[in-house]
């Protein structure tokens, strides 16, 4: 991997470009060593990009490759809970033949979907804001030599990245569940 502790999409693009340049040089010179370096940079870039976009969820918390956890917006958590309870009510209504309970379950499920989407948008916006603010603040702190502020801004950036990755992971799972349901 690169000399950086944190992986980033930008670093993966830099390594990919370096690999492409080295590959071009290798094709001109015929050097197996240059080609091996090019292949190594390309593989490194692919691994960095994959790692940069990875995230894991545990309940209402997300952890990304940056190592900084982020807690989901409460609307996301409550929306997921309402969807679960709505599905249970709908299933119970189906099993007992209770149309009223079935309808209540459908409505609660739909309300939960809307509330979760609202929370996802909030987390996505907050994540973008934190990433931009953290990047700008870190650059300014670097110029002024304030290392503690630089670290705080880097943590802000990383929490924003984690928040975004959590939303992306949830949306991806929802899309996969939808596709599975259509099959």
N, C-alpha and C. Protein backbone atom coordinates (compact mmCIF):
# COMPACT_ATOMS: atom_id res chain seq x y z
N UNK A 1 0.83 -1.19 0.00
CA UNK A 1 0.00 0.00 0.00
C UNK A 1 0.87 1.25 0.00
N UNK A 2 0.24 2.38 -0.13
CA UNK A 2 0.99 3.63 -0.16
C UNK A 2 1.53 3.93 1.22
N UNK A 3 2.35 4.97 1.31
CA UNK A 3 2.94 5.33 2.58
C UNK A 3 1.92 6.01 3.50
N UNK A 4 0.76 6.34 2.98
CA UNK A 4 -0.28 6.96 3.79
C UNK A 4 -0.96 5.93 4.67
N UNK A 5 -1.38 6.33 5.89
CA UNK A 5 -2.11 5.42 6.75
C UNK A 5 -3.54 5.27 6.28
N UNK A 6 -4.15 6.35 5.85
CA UNK A 6 -5.53 6.31 5.37
C UNK A 6 -5.55 6.11 3.87
N UNK A 7 -6.41 5.20 3.45
CA UNK A 7 -6.59 5.03 2.01
C UNK A 7 -7.55 6.10 1.54
N UNK A 8 -7.42 6.45 0.29
CA UNK A 8 -8.35 7.42 -0.26
C UNK A 8 -8.55 7.14 -1.73
N UNK A 9 -9.70 7.57 -2.22
CA UNK A 9 -9.99 7.42 -3.63
C UNK A 9 -8.99 8.23 -4.45
N UNK A 10 -8.64 9.42 -3.98
CA UNK A 10 -7.67 10.26 -4.69
C UNK A 10 -6.33 9.54 -4.80
N UNK A 11 -5.88 8.94 -3.70
CA UNK A 11 -4.60 8.22 -3.73
C UNK A 11 -4.68 7.06 -4.71
N UNK A 12 -5.82 6.41 -4.80
CA UNK A 12 -5.94 5.29 -5.75
C UNK A 12 -5.83 5.80 -7.19
N UNK A 13 -6.37 6.99 -7.46
CA UNK A 13 -6.26 7.57 -8.81
C UNK A 13 -4.81 7.94 -9.12
N UNK A 14 -4.10 8.48 -8.13
CA UNK A 14 -2.69 8.83 -8.33
C UNK A 14 -1.88 7.57 -8.63
N UNK A 15 -2.12 6.52 -7.86
CA UNK A 15 -1.38 5.28 -8.09
C UNK A 15 -1.76 4.65 -9.43
N UNK A 16 -3.01 4.76 -9.82
CA UNK A 16 -3.44 4.23 -11.11
C UNK A 16 -2.76 4.98 -12.25
N UNK A 17 -2.68 6.30 -12.14
CA UNK A 17 -2.01 7.11 -13.17
C UNK A 17 -0.52 6.79 -13.22
N UNK A 18 0.09 6.61 -12.05
CA UNK A 18 1.51 6.25 -12.00
C UNK A 18 1.74 4.91 -12.69
N UNK A 19 0.84 3.96 -12.43
CA UNK A 19 0.94 2.65 -13.08
C UNK A 19 0.79 2.75 -14.58
N UNK A 20 -0.11 3.60 -15.05
CA UNK A 20 -0.31 3.76 -16.49
C UNK A 20 0.92 4.37 -17.15
N UNK A 21 1.52 5.36 -16.50
CA UNK A 21 2.74 5.98 -17.04
C UNK A 21 3.87 4.95 -17.08
N UNK A 22 4.02 4.21 -15.99
CA UNK A 22 5.07 3.19 -15.95
C UNK A 22 4.84 2.11 -17.00
N UNK A 23 3.58 1.76 -17.22
CA UNK A 23 3.27 0.77 -18.24
C UNK A 23 3.64 1.28 -19.63
N UNK A 24 3.39 2.57 -19.87
CA UNK A 24 3.77 3.19 -21.15
C UNK A 24 5.28 3.17 -21.34
N UNK A 25 6.00 3.48 -20.29
CA UNK A 25 7.47 3.46 -20.36
C UNK A 25 7.95 2.03 -20.63
N UNK A 26 7.34 1.08 -19.94
CA UNK A 26 7.74 -0.32 -20.12
C UNK A 26 7.48 -0.80 -21.54
N UNK A 27 6.39 -0.35 -22.14
CA UNK A 27 6.10 -0.78 -23.51
C UNK A 27 7.09 -0.16 -24.50
N UNK A 28 7.61 1.03 -24.18
CA UNK A 28 8.61 1.66 -25.05
C UNK A 28 9.99 1.04 -24.87
N UNK A 29 10.34 0.74 -23.62
CA UNK A 29 11.69 0.23 -23.34
C UNK A 29 11.76 -1.30 -23.39
N UNK A 30 10.61 -1.95 -23.25
CA UNK A 30 10.60 -3.41 -23.22
C UNK A 30 11.12 -3.97 -21.90
N UNK A 31 11.19 -3.14 -20.89
CA UNK A 31 11.74 -3.55 -19.60
C UNK A 31 10.71 -4.33 -18.78
N UNK A 32 11.06 -5.55 -18.41
CA UNK A 32 10.18 -6.37 -17.58
C UNK A 32 10.06 -5.76 -16.18
N UNK A 33 11.12 -5.14 -15.68
CA UNK A 33 11.10 -4.50 -14.37
C UNK A 33 10.14 -3.34 -14.31
N UNK A 34 10.15 -2.51 -15.38
CA UNK A 34 9.22 -1.39 -15.44
C UNK A 34 7.77 -1.89 -15.52
N UNK A 35 7.56 -2.96 -16.27
CA UNK A 35 6.21 -3.51 -16.39
C UNK A 35 5.75 -4.07 -15.05
N UNK A 36 6.66 -4.72 -14.32
CA UNK A 36 6.31 -5.25 -13.00
C UNK A 36 5.94 -4.12 -12.04
N UNK A 37 6.70 -3.01 -12.08
CA UNK A 37 6.36 -1.84 -11.25
C UNK A 37 5.01 -1.27 -11.63
N UNK A 38 4.74 -1.20 -12.94
CA UNK A 38 3.45 -0.69 -13.41
C UNK A 38 2.31 -1.56 -12.91
N UNK A 39 2.47 -2.87 -13.03
CA UNK A 39 1.43 -3.80 -12.58
C UNK A 39 1.22 -3.69 -11.08
N UNK A 40 2.31 -3.49 -10.33
CA UNK A 40 2.21 -3.35 -8.88
C UNK A 40 1.43 -2.07 -8.52
N UNK A 41 1.72 -0.96 -9.20
CA UNK A 41 0.99 0.29 -8.93
C UNK A 41 -0.49 0.15 -9.28
N UNK A 42 -0.79 -0.52 -10.37
CA UNK A 42 -2.20 -0.71 -10.75
C UNK A 42 -2.93 -1.56 -9.71
N UNK A 43 -2.30 -2.64 -9.26
CA UNK A 43 -2.92 -3.50 -8.24
C UNK A 43 -3.10 -2.73 -6.93
N UNK A 44 -2.10 -1.93 -6.58
CA UNK A 44 -2.17 -1.11 -5.37
C UNK A 44 -3.32 -0.11 -5.48
N UNK A 45 -3.47 0.49 -6.64
CA UNK A 45 -4.55 1.46 -6.85
C UNK A 45 -5.92 0.79 -6.71
N UNK A 46 -6.06 -0.41 -7.28
CA UNK A 46 -7.33 -1.14 -7.17
C UNK A 46 -7.65 -1.47 -5.71
N UNK A 47 -6.64 -1.94 -4.99
CA UNK A 47 -6.84 -2.29 -3.58
C UNK A 47 -7.19 -1.05 -2.75
N UNK A 48 -6.51 0.07 -3.00
CA UNK A 48 -6.80 1.30 -2.25
C UNK A 48 -8.21 1.79 -2.52
N UNK A 49 -8.63 1.72 -3.78
CA UNK A 49 -9.97 2.18 -4.11
C UNK A 49 -11.02 1.30 -3.43
N UNK A 50 -10.83 -0.02 -3.49
CA UNK A 50 -11.77 -0.92 -2.83
C UNK A 50 -11.82 -0.67 -1.33
N UNK A 51 -10.67 -0.52 -0.71
CA UNK A 51 -10.61 -0.29 0.73
C UNK A 51 -11.21 1.07 1.10
N UNK A 52 -10.97 2.07 0.26
CA UNK A 52 -11.49 3.41 0.50
C UNK A 52 -13.02 3.42 0.51
N UNK A 53 -13.62 2.52 -0.25
CA UNK A 53 -15.08 2.47 -0.34
C UNK A 53 -15.71 1.43 0.57
N UNK A 54 -14.92 0.78 1.41
CA UNK A 54 -15.47 -0.26 2.27
C UNK A 54 -16.06 0.35 3.54
N UNK A 55 -17.04 -0.34 4.07
CA UNK A 55 -17.67 0.08 5.32
C UNK A 55 -18.33 -1.14 5.95
N UNK A 56 -18.48 -1.09 7.25
CA UNK A 56 -19.18 -2.15 7.97
C UNK A 56 -20.18 -1.50 8.92
N UNK A 57 -21.34 -2.13 9.04
CA UNK A 57 -22.39 -1.61 9.91
C UNK A 57 -22.58 -2.53 11.10
N UNK A 58 -22.80 -1.95 12.25
CA UNK A 58 -23.17 -2.67 13.45
C UNK A 58 -24.25 -1.86 14.14
N UNK A 59 -25.48 -2.28 13.94
CA UNK A 59 -26.61 -1.52 14.48
C UNK A 59 -26.62 -0.13 13.85
N UNK A 60 -26.72 0.91 14.68
CA UNK A 60 -26.78 2.27 14.12
C UNK A 60 -25.40 2.90 13.91
N UNK A 61 -24.34 2.10 13.92
CA UNK A 61 -22.99 2.62 13.76
C UNK A 61 -22.36 2.09 12.47
N UNK A 62 -21.52 2.93 11.86
CA UNK A 62 -20.78 2.55 10.67
C UNK A 62 -19.30 2.77 10.95
N UNK A 63 -18.48 1.85 10.44
CA UNK A 63 -17.03 1.98 10.54
C UNK A 63 -16.49 1.84 9.12
N UNK A 64 -15.63 2.77 8.72
CA UNK A 64 -15.03 2.69 7.39
C UNK A 64 -13.53 2.49 7.53
N UNK A 65 -12.84 2.47 6.41
CA UNK A 65 -11.39 2.24 6.41
C UNK A 65 -10.63 3.31 7.17
N UNK A 66 -11.23 4.46 7.39
CA UNK A 66 -10.55 5.53 8.12
C UNK A 66 -10.43 5.20 9.61
N UNK A 67 -11.26 4.29 10.09
CA UNK A 67 -11.21 3.90 11.49
C UNK A 67 -12.04 4.78 12.41
N UNK A 68 -12.68 5.79 11.87
CA UNK A 68 -13.50 6.69 12.68
C UNK A 68 -14.97 6.26 12.56
N UNK A 69 -15.62 5.93 13.69
CA UNK A 69 -17.03 5.50 13.62
C UNK A 69 -17.97 6.69 13.45
N UNK A 70 -19.13 6.41 12.91
CA UNK A 70 -20.17 7.43 12.79
C UNK A 70 -21.50 6.80 13.16
N UNK A 71 -22.29 7.52 13.93
CA UNK A 71 -23.61 7.02 14.32
C UNK A 71 -24.64 7.53 13.32
N UNK A 72 -25.56 6.64 12.94
CA UNK A 72 -26.62 7.00 12.00
C UNK A 72 -27.53 8.07 12.59
N UNK A 73 -28.08 8.87 11.72
CA UNK A 73 -29.11 9.83 12.09
C UNK A 73 -30.27 9.05 12.72
N UNK A 74 -30.90 9.60 13.74
CA UNK A 74 -32.00 8.90 14.44
C UNK A 74 -33.16 8.58 13.51
N UNK A 75 -33.39 9.39 12.48
CA UNK A 75 -34.47 9.10 11.54
C UNK A 75 -34.22 7.78 10.81
N UNK A 76 -32.96 7.49 10.53
CA UNK A 76 -32.64 6.22 9.87
C UNK A 76 -32.98 5.04 10.77
N UNK A 77 -32.55 5.15 12.02
CA UNK A 77 -32.77 4.06 12.97
C UNK A 77 -34.26 3.86 13.24
N UNK A 78 -34.97 4.95 13.48
CA UNK A 78 -36.41 4.86 13.75
C UNK A 78 -37.15 4.36 12.51
N UNK A 79 -36.74 4.83 11.34
CA UNK A 79 -37.38 4.37 10.10
C UNK A 79 -37.21 2.88 9.88
N UNK A 80 -36.02 2.36 10.18
CA UNK A 80 -35.79 0.93 10.04
C UNK A 80 -36.65 0.15 11.04
N UNK A 81 -36.76 0.67 12.25
CA UNK A 81 -37.59 0.03 13.27
C UNK A 81 -39.05 0.01 12.83
N UNK A 82 -39.55 1.12 12.33
CA UNK A 82 -40.93 1.19 11.88
C UNK A 82 -41.20 0.25 10.71
N UNK A 83 -40.22 0.10 9.83
CA UNK A 83 -40.38 -0.85 8.72
C UNK A 83 -40.48 -2.28 9.24
N UNK A 84 -39.64 -2.61 10.21
CA UNK A 84 -39.67 -3.96 10.78
C UNK A 84 -41.00 -4.22 11.48
N UNK A 85 -41.43 -3.27 12.30
CA UNK A 85 -42.69 -3.44 13.01
C UNK A 85 -43.87 -3.47 12.03
N UNK A 86 -43.82 -2.64 11.01
CA UNK A 86 -44.88 -2.65 10.00
C UNK A 86 -44.96 -3.98 9.27
N UNK A 87 -43.81 -4.54 8.95
CA UNK A 87 -43.80 -5.85 8.28
C UNK A 87 -44.36 -6.94 9.19
N UNK A 88 -44.01 -6.86 10.48
CA UNK A 88 -44.55 -7.84 11.44
C UNK A 88 -46.07 -7.72 11.54
N UNK A 89 -46.57 -6.49 11.62
CA UNK A 89 -48.02 -6.29 11.69
C UNK A 89 -48.71 -6.80 10.42
N UNK A 90 -48.10 -6.50 9.29
CA UNK A 90 -48.68 -6.95 8.02
C UNK A 90 -48.72 -8.48 7.95
N UNK A 91 -47.64 -9.12 8.38
CA UNK A 91 -47.59 -10.58 8.40
C UNK A 91 -48.63 -11.15 9.37
N UNK A 92 -48.71 -10.55 10.55
CA UNK A 92 -49.71 -11.01 11.53
C UNK A 92 -51.13 -10.82 10.97
N UNK A 93 -51.35 -9.71 10.30
CA UNK A 93 -52.66 -9.48 9.68
C UNK A 93 -52.97 -10.51 8.62
N UNK A 94 -51.96 -10.88 7.84
CA UNK A 94 -52.15 -11.93 6.82
C UNK A 94 -52.49 -13.27 7.46
N UNK A 95 -51.76 -13.61 8.53
CA UNK A 95 -51.95 -14.91 9.18
C UNK A 95 -53.30 -15.02 9.87
N UNK A 96 -53.76 -13.91 10.44
CA UNK A 96 -55.02 -13.94 11.18
C UNK A 96 -56.22 -13.50 10.34
N UNK A 97 -55.96 -13.01 9.15
CA UNK A 97 -57.06 -12.54 8.31
C UNK A 97 -57.58 -11.17 8.74
N UNK A 98 -56.80 -10.45 9.53
CA UNK A 98 -57.20 -9.14 10.04
C UNK A 98 -56.73 -8.06 9.05
N UNK A 99 -57.65 -7.61 8.21
CA UNK A 99 -57.31 -6.61 7.18
C UNK A 99 -56.89 -5.28 7.78
N UNK A 100 -57.49 -4.90 8.91
CA UNK A 100 -57.13 -3.64 9.56
C UNK A 100 -55.67 -3.67 10.02
N UNK A 101 -55.24 -4.75 10.66
CA UNK A 101 -53.86 -4.90 11.13
C UNK A 101 -52.90 -4.94 9.94
N UNK A 102 -53.32 -5.63 8.91
CA UNK A 102 -52.51 -5.71 7.68
C UNK A 102 -52.29 -4.32 7.09
N UNK A 103 -53.35 -3.51 7.02
CA UNK A 103 -53.26 -2.16 6.48
C UNK A 103 -52.42 -1.25 7.37
N UNK A 104 -52.57 -1.38 8.68
CA UNK A 104 -51.74 -0.60 9.61
C UNK A 104 -50.26 -0.92 9.41
N UNK A 105 -49.97 -2.19 9.20
CA UNK A 105 -48.59 -2.62 8.97
C UNK A 105 -48.01 -2.02 7.70
N UNK A 106 -48.81 -2.05 6.63
CA UNK A 106 -48.35 -1.45 5.37
C UNK A 106 -48.05 0.03 5.54
N UNK A 107 -48.96 0.74 6.22
CA UNK A 107 -48.78 2.18 6.43
C UNK A 107 -47.54 2.47 7.28
N UNK A 108 -47.34 1.70 8.34
CA UNK A 108 -46.18 1.91 9.20
C UNK A 108 -44.90 1.61 8.43
N UNK A 109 -44.92 0.59 7.60
CA UNK A 109 -43.76 0.24 6.79
C UNK A 109 -43.42 1.38 5.83
N UNK A 110 -44.43 1.92 5.17
CA UNK A 110 -44.20 3.04 4.23
C UNK A 110 -43.70 4.29 4.96
N UNK A 111 -44.27 4.57 6.12
CA UNK A 111 -43.80 5.71 6.91
C UNK A 111 -42.35 5.51 7.31
N UNK A 112 -42.01 4.29 7.68
CA UNK A 112 -40.63 3.98 8.06
C UNK A 112 -39.67 4.15 6.90
N UNK A 113 -40.10 3.76 5.71
CA UNK A 113 -39.25 3.95 4.53
C UNK A 113 -38.97 5.43 4.29
N UNK A 114 -40.01 6.24 4.43
CA UNK A 114 -39.83 7.68 4.24
C UNK A 114 -38.93 8.29 5.30
N UNK A 115 -39.11 7.86 6.54
CA UNK A 115 -38.29 8.40 7.63
C UNK A 115 -36.83 7.96 7.46
N UNK A 116 -36.61 6.72 7.04
CA UNK A 116 -35.24 6.26 6.82
C UNK A 116 -34.59 7.04 5.69
N UNK A 117 -35.34 7.28 4.61
CA UNK A 117 -34.80 8.06 3.48
C UNK A 117 -34.43 9.47 3.92
N UNK A 118 -35.26 10.07 4.76
CA UNK A 118 -34.98 11.41 5.28
C UNK A 118 -33.67 11.39 6.08
N UNK A 119 -33.49 10.38 6.91
CA UNK A 119 -32.26 10.26 7.69
C UNK A 119 -31.05 10.01 6.81
N UNK A 120 -31.23 9.22 5.76
CA UNK A 120 -30.13 8.96 4.83
C UNK A 120 -29.69 10.25 4.14
N UNK A 121 -30.65 11.04 3.70
CA UNK A 121 -30.31 12.32 3.07
C UNK A 121 -29.59 13.25 4.04
N UNK A 122 -30.05 13.25 5.28
CA UNK A 122 -29.41 14.08 6.29
C UNK A 122 -27.97 13.62 6.52
N UNK A 123 -27.78 12.31 6.67
CA UNK A 123 -26.42 11.78 6.88
C UNK A 123 -25.53 12.01 5.67
N UNK A 124 -26.08 11.87 4.49
CA UNK A 124 -25.29 12.10 3.28
C UNK A 124 -24.85 13.57 3.20
N UNK A 125 -25.77 14.48 3.44
CA UNK A 125 -25.43 15.91 3.43
C UNK A 125 -24.42 16.26 4.51
N UNK A 126 -24.62 15.71 5.71
CA UNK A 126 -23.67 15.97 6.81
C UNK A 126 -22.31 15.38 6.47
N UNK A 127 -22.30 14.20 5.86
CA UNK A 127 -21.03 13.58 5.48
C UNK A 127 -20.26 14.41 4.47
N UNK A 128 -20.95 14.90 3.46
CA UNK A 128 -20.30 15.74 2.45
C UNK A 128 -19.77 17.02 3.09
N UNK A 129 -20.59 17.63 3.93
CA UNK A 129 -20.19 18.86 4.62
C UNK A 129 -18.96 18.62 5.50
N UNK A 130 -18.96 17.53 6.24
CA UNK A 130 -17.81 17.21 7.10
C UNK A 130 -16.55 16.93 6.29
N UNK A 131 -16.71 16.26 5.17
CA UNK A 131 -15.53 15.96 4.35
C UNK A 131 -14.93 17.24 3.77
N UNK A 132 -15.77 18.11 3.25
CA UNK A 132 -15.28 19.37 2.67
C UNK A 132 -14.68 20.24 3.77
N UNK A 133 -15.43 20.42 4.86
CA UNK A 133 -14.93 21.25 5.96
C UNK A 133 -13.64 20.70 6.56
N UNK A 134 -13.57 19.39 6.69
CA UNK A 134 -12.36 18.76 7.23
C UNK A 134 -11.17 18.93 6.31
N UNK A 135 -11.39 18.80 5.01
CA UNK A 135 -10.30 18.95 4.04
C UNK A 135 -9.77 20.38 4.03
N UNK A 136 -10.69 21.35 3.97
CA UNK A 136 -10.29 22.76 3.94
C UNK A 136 -9.62 23.15 5.26
N UNK A 137 -10.23 22.74 6.37
CA UNK A 137 -9.67 23.07 7.68
C UNK A 137 -8.30 22.44 7.89
N UNK A 138 -8.14 21.20 7.44
CA UNK A 138 -6.85 20.52 7.58
C UNK A 138 -5.76 21.21 6.76
N UNK A 139 -6.12 21.63 5.56
CA UNK A 139 -5.15 22.33 4.71
C UNK A 139 -4.73 23.66 5.37
N UNK A 140 -5.70 24.39 5.91
CA UNK A 140 -5.40 25.65 6.58
C UNK A 140 -4.53 25.40 7.82
N UNK A 141 -4.88 24.38 8.59
CA UNK A 141 -4.10 24.08 9.79
C UNK A 141 -2.69 23.65 9.43
N UNK A 142 -2.54 22.97 8.33
CA UNK A 142 -1.20 22.56 7.87
C UNK A 142 -0.37 23.80 7.54
N UNK A 143 -0.97 24.76 6.84
CA UNK A 143 -0.27 25.99 6.46
C UNK A 143 0.13 26.78 7.70
N UNK A 144 -0.75 26.82 8.70
CA UNK A 144 -0.46 27.60 9.90
C UNK A 144 0.38 26.82 10.91
N UNK A 145 0.59 25.53 10.65
CA UNK A 145 1.42 24.72 11.54
C UNK A 145 0.71 24.24 12.80
N UNK A 146 -0.61 24.31 12.83
CA UNK A 146 -1.37 23.89 13.99
C UNK A 146 -1.72 22.40 13.85
N UNK A 147 -0.85 21.55 14.41
CA UNK A 147 -1.01 20.09 14.24
C UNK A 147 -2.23 19.53 14.96
N UNK A 148 -2.60 20.08 16.10
CA UNK A 148 -3.78 19.56 16.81
C UNK A 148 -5.06 19.89 16.03
N UNK A 149 -5.11 21.09 15.47
CA UNK A 149 -6.27 21.45 14.65
C UNK A 149 -6.30 20.60 13.38
N UNK A 150 -5.14 20.35 12.81
CA UNK A 150 -5.06 19.52 11.61
C UNK A 150 -5.63 18.14 11.89
N UNK A 151 -5.27 17.56 13.02
CA UNK A 151 -5.78 16.23 13.38
C UNK A 151 -7.29 16.26 13.60
N UNK A 152 -7.77 17.31 14.25
CA UNK A 152 -9.22 17.44 14.48
C UNK A 152 -9.97 17.54 13.16
N UNK A 153 -9.43 18.31 12.22
CA UNK A 153 -10.07 18.44 10.91
C UNK A 153 -10.00 17.14 10.11
N UNK A 154 -8.90 16.41 10.25
CA UNK A 154 -8.80 15.11 9.58
C UNK A 154 -9.83 14.13 10.14
N UNK A 155 -10.03 14.17 11.45
CA UNK A 155 -11.06 13.33 12.06
C UNK A 155 -12.45 13.72 11.58
N UNK A 156 -12.69 15.03 11.43
CA UNK A 156 -13.98 15.51 10.90
C UNK A 156 -14.18 14.96 9.50
N UNK A 157 -13.16 15.05 8.66
CA UNK A 157 -13.22 14.52 7.29
C UNK A 157 -13.52 13.02 7.32
N UNK A 158 -12.81 12.29 8.17
CA UNK A 158 -12.96 10.84 8.22
C UNK A 158 -14.34 10.43 8.73
N UNK A 159 -14.89 11.17 9.69
CA UNK A 159 -16.24 10.86 10.16
C UNK A 159 -17.26 11.12 9.05
N UNK A 160 -17.05 12.20 8.30
CA UNK A 160 -17.93 12.47 7.15
C UNK A 160 -17.86 11.36 6.12
N UNK A 161 -16.66 10.88 5.86
CA UNK A 161 -16.48 9.78 4.91
C UNK A 161 -17.21 8.53 5.41
N UNK A 162 -17.06 8.23 6.68
CA UNK A 162 -17.73 7.07 7.26
C UNK A 162 -19.24 7.21 7.18
N UNK A 163 -19.73 8.41 7.46
CA UNK A 163 -21.18 8.66 7.39
C UNK A 163 -21.70 8.41 5.96
N UNK A 164 -20.96 8.92 4.97
CA UNK A 164 -21.35 8.69 3.57
C UNK A 164 -21.32 7.21 3.22
N UNK A 165 -20.27 6.52 3.63
CA UNK A 165 -20.15 5.09 3.30
C UNK A 165 -21.27 4.29 3.95
N UNK A 166 -21.71 4.70 5.14
CA UNK A 166 -22.83 4.03 5.79
C UNK A 166 -24.11 4.15 4.99
N UNK A 167 -24.37 5.34 4.48
CA UNK A 167 -25.56 5.55 3.64
C UNK A 167 -25.43 4.71 2.37
N UNK A 168 -24.26 4.76 1.74
CA UNK A 168 -24.06 3.99 0.51
C UNK A 168 -24.28 2.50 0.76
N UNK A 169 -23.80 2.00 1.89
CA UNK A 169 -23.97 0.59 2.22
C UNK A 169 -25.45 0.25 2.40
N UNK A 170 -26.18 1.09 3.11
CA UNK A 170 -27.62 0.85 3.31
C UNK A 170 -28.38 0.88 1.99
N UNK A 171 -28.07 1.84 1.14
CA UNK A 171 -28.77 1.95 -0.15
C UNK A 171 -28.45 0.73 -1.02
N UNK A 172 -27.20 0.29 -0.99
CA UNK A 172 -26.82 -0.89 -1.75
C UNK A 172 -27.58 -2.13 -1.26
N UNK A 173 -27.69 -2.30 0.05
CA UNK A 173 -28.43 -3.43 0.61
C UNK A 173 -29.91 -3.37 0.22
N UNK A 174 -30.48 -2.17 0.23
CA UNK A 174 -31.88 -2.02 -0.15
C UNK A 174 -32.08 -2.39 -1.62
N UNK A 175 -31.16 -1.96 -2.47
CA UNK A 175 -31.26 -2.28 -3.89
C UNK A 175 -31.14 -3.78 -4.12
N UNK A 176 -30.21 -4.43 -3.41
CA UNK A 176 -30.05 -5.88 -3.55
C UNK A 176 -31.29 -6.62 -3.06
N UNK A 177 -31.90 -6.15 -1.98
CA UNK A 177 -33.11 -6.78 -1.46
C UNK A 177 -34.26 -6.61 -2.44
N UNK A 178 -34.32 -5.44 -3.06
CA UNK A 178 -35.37 -5.19 -4.06
C UNK A 178 -35.22 -6.10 -5.26
N UNK A 179 -33.96 -6.24 -5.74
CA UNK A 179 -33.69 -7.12 -6.88
C UNK A 179 -34.03 -8.56 -6.53
N UNK A 180 -33.68 -9.00 -5.33
CA UNK A 180 -33.97 -10.37 -4.91
C UNK A 180 -35.47 -10.61 -4.81
N UNK A 181 -36.20 -9.58 -4.39
CA UNK A 181 -37.65 -9.69 -4.29
C UNK A 181 -38.36 -9.78 -5.63
N UNK A 182 -37.73 -9.24 -6.67
CA UNK A 182 -38.33 -9.27 -8.02
C UNK A 182 -38.06 -10.58 -8.74
N UNK A 183 -37.11 -11.36 -8.20
CA UNK A 183 -36.78 -12.62 -8.88
C UNK A 183 -37.67 -13.76 -8.49
